Amino acid sequence: MGSDTSAVGCVGKLTVATRGAGGPGEVLVKMRGGTEAYLAWSEQPLAKGTTVIVFDSRGERTVDVMEWTDPLDDLGGGAIS
């Protein structure tokens, strides 16, 4: 793991689509009370606007991501506050 390990486990949104092995995109990651931009690699191409989770760091400002759907979203209005 590189110096951006604090991003691992954080959720973000792609601002530039990824191309799988063809090249990275860009993700805005919610962390430290704000958002930070990282180069984002994924195994499969992902469209701009896709919600992702960071699962690994490749080093300086570069992360591996996968598509993410928060399982708590399925609870809708039934969630406990």
N, C-alpha and C. Protein backbone atom coordinates (compact mmCIF):
# COMPACT_ATOMS: atom_id res chain seq x y z
N MET A 1 0.84 -1.18 0.00
CA MET A 1 0.00 0.00 0.00
C MET A 1 0.88 1.24 0.00
N GLY A 2 0.38 2.27 -0.68
CA GLY A 2 1.16 3.49 -0.78
C GLY A 2 0.76 4.50 0.26
N SER A 3 1.10 5.75 -0.03
CA SER A 3 0.87 6.82 0.94
C SER A 3 -0.59 7.26 1.03
N ASP A 4 -1.45 6.78 0.11
CA ASP A 4 -2.85 7.18 0.12
C ASP A 4 -3.75 6.09 0.71
N THR A 5 -3.21 5.33 1.66
CA THR A 5 -3.99 4.24 2.24
C THR A 5 -5.21 4.75 2.99
N SER A 6 -5.22 6.02 3.40
CA SER A 6 -6.38 6.54 4.11
C SER A 6 -7.62 6.59 3.21
N ALA A 7 -7.45 6.56 1.90
CA ALA A 7 -8.58 6.56 0.97
C ALA A 7 -9.22 5.18 0.86
N VAL A 8 -8.49 4.13 1.22
CA VAL A 8 -9.02 2.77 1.11
C VAL A 8 -10.23 2.63 2.03
N GLY A 9 -11.33 2.12 1.46
CA GLY A 9 -12.57 1.97 2.20
C GLY A 9 -13.51 3.14 2.04
N CYS A 10 -13.05 4.22 1.43
CA CYS A 10 -13.89 5.40 1.24
C CYS A 10 -14.71 5.27 -0.05
N VAL A 11 -15.85 5.93 -0.06
CA VAL A 11 -16.75 5.94 -1.22
C VAL A 11 -16.55 7.23 -1.99
N GLY A 12 -16.68 7.14 -3.32
CA GLY A 12 -16.55 8.33 -4.15
C GLY A 12 -17.38 8.21 -5.41
N LYS A 13 -17.26 9.21 -6.27
CA LYS A 13 -17.99 9.24 -7.54
C LYS A 13 -17.02 9.56 -8.65
N LEU A 14 -17.12 8.80 -9.76
CA LEU A 14 -16.23 9.02 -10.89
C LEU A 14 -16.58 10.32 -11.60
N THR A 15 -15.59 11.18 -11.79
CA THR A 15 -15.78 12.41 -12.55
C THR A 15 -15.26 12.24 -13.97
N VAL A 16 -14.43 11.22 -14.18
CA VAL A 16 -13.95 10.82 -15.50
C VAL A 16 -14.06 9.30 -15.55
N ALA A 17 -14.70 8.77 -16.60
CA ALA A 17 -14.90 7.32 -16.73
C ALA A 17 -13.56 6.57 -16.74
N THR A 18 -13.57 5.35 -16.18
CA THR A 18 -12.39 4.49 -16.27
C THR A 18 -12.52 3.64 -17.54
N ARG A 19 -11.38 3.12 -18.01
CA ARG A 19 -11.38 2.30 -19.23
C ARG A 19 -10.85 0.90 -18.95
N GLY A 20 -11.01 0.43 -17.72
CA GLY A 20 -10.46 -0.88 -17.37
C GLY A 20 -8.95 -0.86 -17.52
N ALA A 21 -8.40 -1.90 -18.15
CA ALA A 21 -6.95 -1.97 -18.36
C ALA A 21 -6.46 -0.91 -19.34
N GLY A 22 -7.40 -0.27 -20.08
CA GLY A 22 -7.04 0.73 -21.08
C GLY A 22 -6.64 2.07 -20.51
N GLY A 23 -6.92 2.31 -19.24
CA GLY A 23 -6.51 3.59 -18.66
C GLY A 23 -7.37 4.00 -17.47
N PRO A 24 -6.83 4.92 -16.68
CA PRO A 24 -7.54 5.35 -15.48
C PRO A 24 -8.57 6.44 -15.76
N GLY A 25 -9.45 6.62 -14.80
CA GLY A 25 -10.35 7.75 -14.78
C GLY A 25 -9.98 8.61 -13.59
N GLU A 26 -10.95 9.38 -13.11
CA GLU A 26 -10.72 10.20 -11.93
C GLU A 26 -11.91 10.05 -10.99
N VAL A 27 -11.62 9.97 -9.70
CA VAL A 27 -12.66 9.82 -8.68
C VAL A 27 -12.53 10.91 -7.64
N LEU A 28 -13.67 11.46 -7.21
CA LEU A 28 -13.71 12.35 -6.06
C LEU A 28 -14.13 11.51 -4.87
N VAL A 29 -13.25 11.41 -3.88
CA VAL A 29 -13.46 10.56 -2.72
C VAL A 29 -13.87 11.42 -1.53
N LYS A 30 -14.95 10.99 -0.85
CA LYS A 30 -15.39 11.69 0.36
C LYS A 30 -14.52 11.24 1.53
N MET A 31 -13.77 12.19 2.09
CA MET A 31 -12.90 11.88 3.22
C MET A 31 -12.46 13.15 3.92
N ARG A 32 -12.09 13.01 5.19
CA ARG A 32 -11.58 14.13 5.99
C ARG A 32 -12.47 15.36 5.95
N GLY A 33 -13.79 15.16 5.92
CA GLY A 33 -14.72 16.28 5.93
C GLY A 33 -14.84 17.01 4.60
N GLY A 34 -14.31 16.44 3.54
CA GLY A 34 -14.40 17.07 2.22
C GLY A 34 -14.28 16.02 1.14
N THR A 35 -13.76 16.42 -0.01
CA THR A 35 -13.50 15.48 -1.10
C THR A 35 -12.09 15.70 -1.63
N GLU A 36 -11.50 14.60 -2.11
CA GLU A 36 -10.17 14.66 -2.71
C GLU A 36 -10.18 13.90 -4.02
N ALA A 37 -9.45 14.38 -5.02
CA ALA A 37 -9.40 13.76 -6.34
C ALA A 37 -8.22 12.79 -6.43
N TYR A 38 -8.48 11.64 -7.05
CA TYR A 38 -7.46 10.61 -7.27
C TYR A 38 -7.61 10.05 -8.69
N LEU A 39 -6.50 9.58 -9.27
CA LEU A 39 -6.58 8.76 -10.47
C LEU A 39 -7.20 7.44 -10.05
N ALA A 40 -8.12 6.91 -10.84
CA ALA A 40 -8.86 5.71 -10.47
C ALA A 40 -8.74 4.63 -11.53
N TRP A 41 -8.26 3.48 -11.13
CA TRP A 41 -8.18 2.31 -12.00
C TRP A 41 -9.26 1.31 -11.60
N SER A 42 -9.81 0.61 -12.57
CA SER A 42 -10.80 -0.43 -12.31
C SER A 42 -10.55 -1.60 -13.25
N GLU A 43 -11.00 -2.80 -12.86
CA GLU A 43 -10.82 -3.97 -13.71
C GLU A 43 -11.66 -3.87 -14.97
N GLN A 44 -12.89 -3.36 -14.84
CA GLN A 44 -13.80 -3.19 -15.97
C GLN A 44 -14.05 -1.70 -16.17
N PRO A 45 -14.34 -1.28 -17.40
CA PRO A 45 -14.69 0.13 -17.62
C PRO A 45 -15.90 0.53 -16.79
N LEU A 46 -15.85 1.72 -16.20
CA LEU A 46 -16.95 2.27 -15.41
C LEU A 46 -17.27 3.66 -15.93
N ALA A 47 -18.56 3.96 -16.01
CA ALA A 47 -19.02 5.24 -16.57
C ALA A 47 -18.83 6.40 -15.60
N LYS A 48 -18.71 7.59 -16.16
CA LYS A 48 -18.70 8.82 -15.37
C LYS A 48 -19.97 8.86 -14.54
N GLY A 49 -19.86 9.25 -13.27
CA GLY A 49 -21.01 9.33 -12.38
C GLY A 49 -21.25 8.08 -11.56
N THR A 50 -20.50 7.00 -11.84
CA THR A 50 -20.66 5.75 -11.09
C THR A 50 -20.16 5.94 -9.66
N THR A 51 -20.92 5.44 -8.69
CA THR A 51 -20.48 5.43 -7.30
C THR A 51 -19.55 4.25 -7.12
N VAL A 52 -18.39 4.50 -6.51
CA VAL A 52 -17.37 3.46 -6.35
C VAL A 52 -16.85 3.45 -4.91
N ILE A 53 -16.18 2.35 -4.57
CA ILE A 53 -15.47 2.25 -3.30
C ILE A 53 -14.00 1.99 -3.62
N VAL A 54 -13.12 2.62 -2.87
CA VAL A 54 -11.68 2.44 -3.03
C VAL A 54 -11.28 1.18 -2.26
N PHE A 55 -10.65 0.21 -2.96
CA PHE A 55 -10.25 -1.01 -2.28
C PHE A 55 -8.74 -1.21 -2.20
N ASP A 56 -7.96 -0.37 -2.87
CA ASP A 56 -6.50 -0.47 -2.78
C ASP A 56 -5.88 0.84 -3.23
N SER A 57 -4.65 1.06 -2.82
CA SER A 57 -3.89 2.23 -3.22
C SER A 57 -2.68 1.79 -4.04
N ARG A 58 -2.43 2.47 -5.14
CA ARG A 58 -1.27 2.18 -5.99
C ARG A 58 -0.12 3.14 -5.68
N GLY A 59 -0.31 4.00 -4.72
CA GLY A 59 0.73 4.97 -4.39
C GLY A 59 0.20 6.37 -4.48
N GLU A 60 1.06 7.29 -4.81
CA GLU A 60 0.75 8.71 -4.79
C GLU A 60 -0.46 9.08 -5.64
N ARG A 61 -1.60 9.37 -4.98
CA ARG A 61 -2.83 9.89 -5.61
C ARG A 61 -3.43 8.96 -6.66
N THR A 62 -3.17 7.65 -6.56
CA THR A 62 -3.70 6.67 -7.50
C THR A 62 -4.30 5.50 -6.73
N VAL A 63 -5.56 5.15 -7.05
CA VAL A 63 -6.27 4.12 -6.30
C VAL A 63 -6.95 3.14 -7.25
N ASP A 64 -7.30 1.96 -6.70
CA ASP A 64 -8.11 0.97 -7.40
C ASP A 64 -9.52 1.07 -6.85
N VAL A 65 -10.51 1.06 -7.76
CA VAL A 65 -11.91 1.20 -7.36
C VAL A 65 -12.77 0.11 -7.98
N MET A 66 -13.94 -0.09 -7.38
CA MET A 66 -14.96 -0.96 -7.96
C MET A 66 -16.32 -0.31 -7.74
N GLU A 67 -17.27 -0.67 -8.60
CA GLU A 67 -18.62 -0.10 -8.45
C GLU A 67 -19.17 -0.47 -7.08
N TRP A 68 -19.93 0.45 -6.49
CA TRP A 68 -20.42 0.26 -5.12
C TRP A 68 -21.87 0.70 -5.02
N THR A 69 -22.66 -0.16 -4.40
CA THR A 69 -24.02 0.19 -4.02
C THR A 69 -24.12 -0.01 -2.53
N ASP A 70 -24.45 1.03 -1.80
CA ASP A 70 -24.54 0.94 -0.35
C ASP A 70 -25.71 0.05 0.04
N PRO A 71 -25.47 -1.06 0.76
CA PRO A 71 -26.57 -1.96 1.12
C PRO A 71 -27.60 -1.30 2.03
N LEU A 72 -27.23 -0.23 2.71
CA LEU A 72 -28.18 0.46 3.57
C LEU A 72 -29.19 1.29 2.76
N ASP A 73 -28.87 1.57 1.49
CA ASP A 73 -29.81 2.30 0.64
C ASP A 73 -31.10 1.50 0.45
N ASP A 74 -31.01 0.17 0.50
CA ASP A 74 -32.18 -0.69 0.33
C ASP A 74 -33.15 -0.58 1.49
N LEU A 75 -32.68 -0.07 2.63
CA LEU A 75 -33.55 0.07 3.79
C LEU A 75 -34.55 1.21 3.65
N GLY A 76 -34.23 2.17 2.79
CA GLY A 76 -35.12 3.29 2.53
C GLY A 76 -35.53 4.00 3.81
N GLY A 77 -36.81 4.25 3.95
CA GLY A 77 -37.35 4.97 5.10
C GLY A 77 -37.38 4.14 6.36
N GLY A 78 -37.08 2.84 6.26
CA GLY A 78 -37.15 1.98 7.43
C GLY A 78 -35.90 1.98 8.28
N ALA A 79 -34.91 2.76 7.91
CA ALA A 79 -33.65 2.80 8.66
C ALA A 79 -33.86 3.46 10.01
N ILE A 80 -33.14 2.96 10.98
CA ILE A 80 -33.19 3.54 12.33
C ILE A 80 -32.30 4.77 12.36
N SER A 81 -32.78 5.88 12.90
CA SER A 81 -31.99 7.11 12.95
C SER A 81 -31.03 7.08 14.10
